Amino acid sequence: NVKETGTVQLVDYSDLKNHKVTSIETAAFLHDGGWDASHRYFMTAANQSNKVAVIDSKEQKLAALVETGKIPHPGRGANFVDK
């Protein structure tokens, strides 16, 4: 299962015969995730690594790896607002 590898994979399906896969190193044990309100950033919890990975889909890279308390499990009702 790819979630245990510590990578997030972005797949470009614009050309179905030649799709491009971009693998981004994050943290092991990815569990759940979702898009922020702008739909640019994808956040996913790495439960047993005690981190939340933030992927910048426009730049196709890891934007942040946020240390959290024990076993983060924010679900999709949680969004971070940086003021």
Protein backbone atom coordinates (compact mmCIF):
# COMPACT_ATOMS: atom_id res chain seq x y z
CA ASN A 1 0.00 0.00 0.00
CA VAL A 2 1.49 3.35 -1.05
CA LYS A 3 0.43 5.08 2.18
CA GLU A 4 2.93 2.97 4.15
CA THR A 5 5.85 4.06 1.91
CA GLY A 6 5.96 7.64 3.12
CA THR A 7 5.21 9.13 -0.27
CA VAL A 8 2.34 11.01 -1.85
CA GLN A 9 1.85 10.40 -5.55
CA LEU A 10 0.44 13.06 -7.86
CA VAL A 11 -0.92 11.69 -11.14
CA ASP A 12 -1.47 13.85 -14.23
CA TYR A 13 -4.31 12.23 -16.19
CA SER A 14 -4.43 14.88 -18.95
CA ASP A 15 -2.93 12.32 -21.39
CA LEU A 16 -4.38 8.92 -20.50
CA LYS A 17 -1.87 7.05 -22.66
CA ASN A 18 1.14 8.81 -21.14
CA HIS A 19 0.19 9.85 -17.62
CA LYS A 20 2.88 11.36 -15.42
CA VAL A 21 3.39 10.29 -11.80
CA THR A 22 5.24 12.55 -9.37
CA SER A 23 6.27 10.97 -6.05
CA ILE A 24 6.83 13.28 -3.09
CA GLU A 25 8.63 12.07 0.05
CA THR A 26 6.61 12.78 3.20
CA ALA A 27 6.39 10.66 6.36
CA ALA A 28 5.44 7.03 6.87
CA PHE A 29 1.99 5.80 7.88
CA LEU A 30 -0.17 8.26 5.93
CA HIS A 31 -3.78 7.85 6.93
CA ASP A 32 -6.31 10.42 5.76
CA GLY A 33 -6.20 13.73 4.02
CA GLY A 34 -7.91 16.34 1.97
CA TRP A 35 -7.66 19.68 0.23
CA ASP A 36 -7.48 23.08 1.90
CA ALA A 37 -10.05 25.76 1.04
CA SER A 38 -7.97 27.07 -1.90
CA HIS A 39 -7.62 23.55 -3.40
CA ARG A 40 -3.90 24.16 -3.84
CA TYR A 41 -2.66 22.33 -0.74
CA PHE A 42 -3.31 18.72 0.18
CA MET A 43 -2.92 17.85 3.86
CA THR A 44 -2.52 14.30 5.07
CA ALA A 45 -1.95 12.90 8.55
CA ALA A 46 0.96 10.54 9.15
CA ASN A 47 -0.53 9.00 12.26
CA GLN A 48 2.28 6.87 13.66
CA SER A 49 4.90 9.44 12.61
CA ASN A 50 3.10 12.21 14.56
CA LYS A 51 3.16 14.58 11.60
CA VAL A 52 0.89 16.25 9.06
CA ALA A 53 2.31 16.52 5.53
CA VAL A 54 1.27 19.51 3.43
CA ILE A 55 1.67 19.08 -0.34
CA ASP A 56 1.72 22.06 -2.71
CA SER A 57 -0.06 20.69 -5.79
CA LYS A 58 0.91 23.68 -7.96
CA GLU A 59 4.64 23.38 -7.24
CA GLN A 60 4.34 19.58 -6.87
CA LYS A 61 6.47 19.45 -3.74
CA LEU A 62 6.29 19.10 0.02
CA ALA A 63 5.33 22.50 1.44
CA ALA A 64 5.64 21.51 5.12
CA LEU A 65 5.95 18.57 7.44
CA VAL A 66 4.28 19.71 10.66
CA GLU A 67 5.14 18.01 13.95
CA THR A 68 1.98 17.30 15.95
CA GLY A 69 1.02 15.67 19.18
CA LYS A 70 0.60 11.93 19.37
CA ILE A 71 -1.31 10.31 16.49
CA PRO A 72 -2.82 13.22 14.52
CA HIS A 73 -6.21 12.43 13.06
CA PRO A 74 -7.71 15.72 11.91
CA GLY A 75 -10.23 14.37 9.39
CA ARG A 76 -11.59 16.69 6.71
CA GLY A 77 -13.36 19.01 9.09
CA ALA A 78 -10.00 20.57 10.04
CA ASN A 79 -8.38 23.37 8.08
CA PHE A 80 -5.39 25.46 9.04
CA VAL A 81 -5.53 29.22 8.61
CA ASP A 82 -2.16 31.00 8.66
CA LYS A 83 -2.68 34.64 9.68
